[in-house]
Amino acid sequence: MARLVKRTPQEPTRYLIDGKEVWLCKCGLSKNQPYCDGSHKLTKTEEPGKLYWYDDAGKRHEVPDSFGGIRTF
């Protein structure tokens, strides 16, 4: 089953595990999940109030409907 999940974070979360720094992805775009690969930088120029999706090449596409009922993370 496929799911459409709306994610709003535009930066990773830093964790310190056994003295080692680890950055976990929150934007959902990293190709190295659950770790951040810097893909969140693609989101910095998103316009507030608009909804986007990104293809495998990292190209941004605007969604014509805001899908207001989608659960947000």
C-alpha atoms as a PDB file:
ATOM      1  CA  MET A   1       0.000   0.000   0.000  1.00  0.00           C
ATOM      2  CA  ALA A   2       1.326   3.442  -0.887  1.00  0.00           C
ATOM      3  CA  ARG A   3       1.102   6.437   1.445  1.00  0.00           C
ATOM      4  CA  LEU A   4       1.315  10.148   0.918  1.00  0.00           C
ATOM      5  CA  VAL A   5       3.051  11.763   3.892  1.00  0.00           C
ATOM      6  CA  LYS A   6       3.507  15.508   4.264  1.00  0.00           C
ATOM      7  CA  ARG A   7       6.827  16.469   5.873  1.00  0.00           C
ATOM      8  CA  THR A   8       7.639  20.019   6.891  1.00  0.00           C
ATOM      9  CA  PRO A   9      11.089  19.823   8.591  1.00  0.00           C
ATOM     10  CA  GLN A  10      13.890  21.379   6.578  1.00  0.00           C
ATOM     11  CA  GLU A  11      16.845  20.233   8.625  1.00  0.00           C
ATOM     12  CA  PRO A  12      18.189  17.052  10.234  1.00  0.00           C
ATOM     13  CA  THR A  13      18.342  16.228  13.921  1.00  0.00           C
ATOM     14  CA  ARG A  14      21.727  15.795  15.604  1.00  0.00           C
ATOM     15  CA  TYR A  15      22.283  12.913  18.016  1.00  0.00           C
ATOM     16  CA  LEU A  16      25.373  12.064  20.030  1.00  0.00           C
ATOM     17  CA  ILE A  17      25.675   8.278  20.343  1.00  0.00           C
ATOM     18  CA  ASP A  18      28.622   6.818  22.229  1.00  0.00           C
ATOM     19  CA  GLY A  19      30.534  10.038  21.611  1.00  0.00           C
ATOM     20  CA  LYS A  20      29.873   9.927  17.869  1.00  0.00           C
ATOM     21  CA  GLU A  21      27.842  12.652  16.128  1.00  0.00           C
ATOM     22  CA  VAL A  22      24.991  11.306  13.968  1.00  0.00           C
ATOM     23  CA  TRP A  23      22.574  13.390  11.874  1.00  0.00           C
ATOM     24  CA  LEU A  24      19.190  11.823  11.121  1.00  0.00           C
ATOM     25  CA  CYS A  25      17.009  12.940   8.206  1.00  0.00           C
ATOM     26  CA  LYS A  26      13.694  14.633   8.988  1.00  0.00           C
ATOM     27  CA  CYS A  27      12.869  16.027   5.534  1.00  0.00           C
ATOM     28  CA  GLY A  28      12.423  12.555   4.002  1.00  0.00           C
ATOM     29  CA  LEU A  29      14.579  13.292   0.943  1.00  0.00           C
ATOM     30  CA  SER A  30      17.830  11.591   1.971  1.00  0.00           C
ATOM     31  CA  LYS A  31      18.913   8.678  -0.192  1.00  0.00           C
ATOM     32  CA  ASN A  32      20.827   7.384   2.838  1.00  0.00           C
ATOM     33  CA  GLN A  33      17.890   6.964   5.242  1.00  0.00           C
ATOM     34  CA  PRO A  34      17.757   7.270   8.175  1.00  0.00           C
ATOM     35  CA  TYR A  35      20.885   9.417   7.914  1.00  0.00           C
ATOM     36  CA  CYS A  36      21.053  12.916   6.476  1.00  0.00           C
ATOM     37  CA  ASP A  37      22.832  13.318   3.134  1.00  0.00           C
ATOM     38  CA  GLY A  38      22.214  17.071   2.772  1.00  0.00           C
ATOM     39  CA  SER A  39      19.164  16.709   0.520  1.00  0.00           C
ATOM     40  CA  HIS A  40      17.196  18.999   2.861  1.00  0.00           C
ATOM     41  CA  LYS A  41      19.008  21.913   1.209  1.00  0.00           C
ATOM     42  CA  LEU A  42      16.639  21.442  -1.756  1.00  0.00           C
ATOM     43  CA  THR A  43      13.762  22.609   0.474  1.00  0.00           C
ATOM     44  CA  LYS A  44      15.218  25.991   1.490  1.00  0.00           C
ATOM     45  CA  THR A  45      13.510  27.893  -1.347  1.00  0.00           C
ATOM     46  CA  GLU A  46      10.070  26.323  -0.924  1.00  0.00           C
ATOM     47  CA  GLU A  47       7.273  28.857  -0.651  1.00  0.00           C
ATOM     48  CA  PRO A  48       5.125  28.791   2.509  1.00  0.00           C
ATOM     49  CA  GLY A  49       1.622  27.450   1.945  1.00  0.00           C
ATOM     50  CA  LYS A  50       2.605  25.404  -1.109  1.00  0.00           C
ATOM     51  CA  LEU A  51       3.019  21.643  -1.271  1.00  0.00           C
ATOM     52  CA  TYR A  52       5.810  20.000  -3.258  1.00  0.00           C
ATOM     53  CA  TRP A  53       7.097  16.572  -4.162  1.00  0.00           C
ATOM     54  CA  TYR A  54      10.595  15.651  -5.357  1.00  0.00           C
ATOM     55  CA  ASP A  55      11.453  13.089  -8.025  1.00  0.00           C
ATOM     56  CA  ASP A  56      14.416  10.691  -7.799  1.00  0.00           C
ATOM     57  CA  ALA A  57      16.659  13.233  -9.541  1.00  0.00           C
ATOM     58  CA  GLY A  58      15.883  15.829  -6.844  1.00  0.00           C
ATOM     59  CA  LYS A  59      13.684  17.961  -9.104  1.00  0.00           C
ATOM     60  CA  ARG A  60      10.912  19.813  -7.267  1.00  0.00           C
ATOM     61  CA  HIS A  61       7.302  19.648  -8.461  1.00  0.00           C
ATOM     62  CA  GLU A  62       4.437  21.713  -7.081  1.00  0.00           C
ATOM     63  CA  VAL A  63       1.272  19.872  -6.093  1.00  0.00           C
ATOM     64  CA  PRO A  64      -1.841  21.681  -7.363  1.00  0.00           C
ATOM     65  CA  ASP A  65      -3.913  20.661  -4.309  1.00  0.00           C
ATOM     66  CA  SER A  66      -2.793  21.318  -0.729  1.00  0.00           C
ATOM     67  CA  PHE A  67      -4.318  18.044   0.557  1.00  0.00           C
ATOM     68  CA  GLY A  68      -5.176  19.799   3.799  1.00  0.00           C
ATOM     69  CA  GLY A  69      -6.156  16.547   5.498  1.00  0.00           C
ATOM     70  CA  ILE A  70      -2.718  14.935   5.156  1.00  0.00           C
ATOM     71  CA  ARG A  71      -1.050  14.176   8.459  1.00  0.00           C
ATOM     72  CA  THR A  72       2.052  16.348   8.894  1.00  0.00           C
ATOM     73  CA  PHE A  73       5.381  15.268  10.427  1.00  0.00           C
END
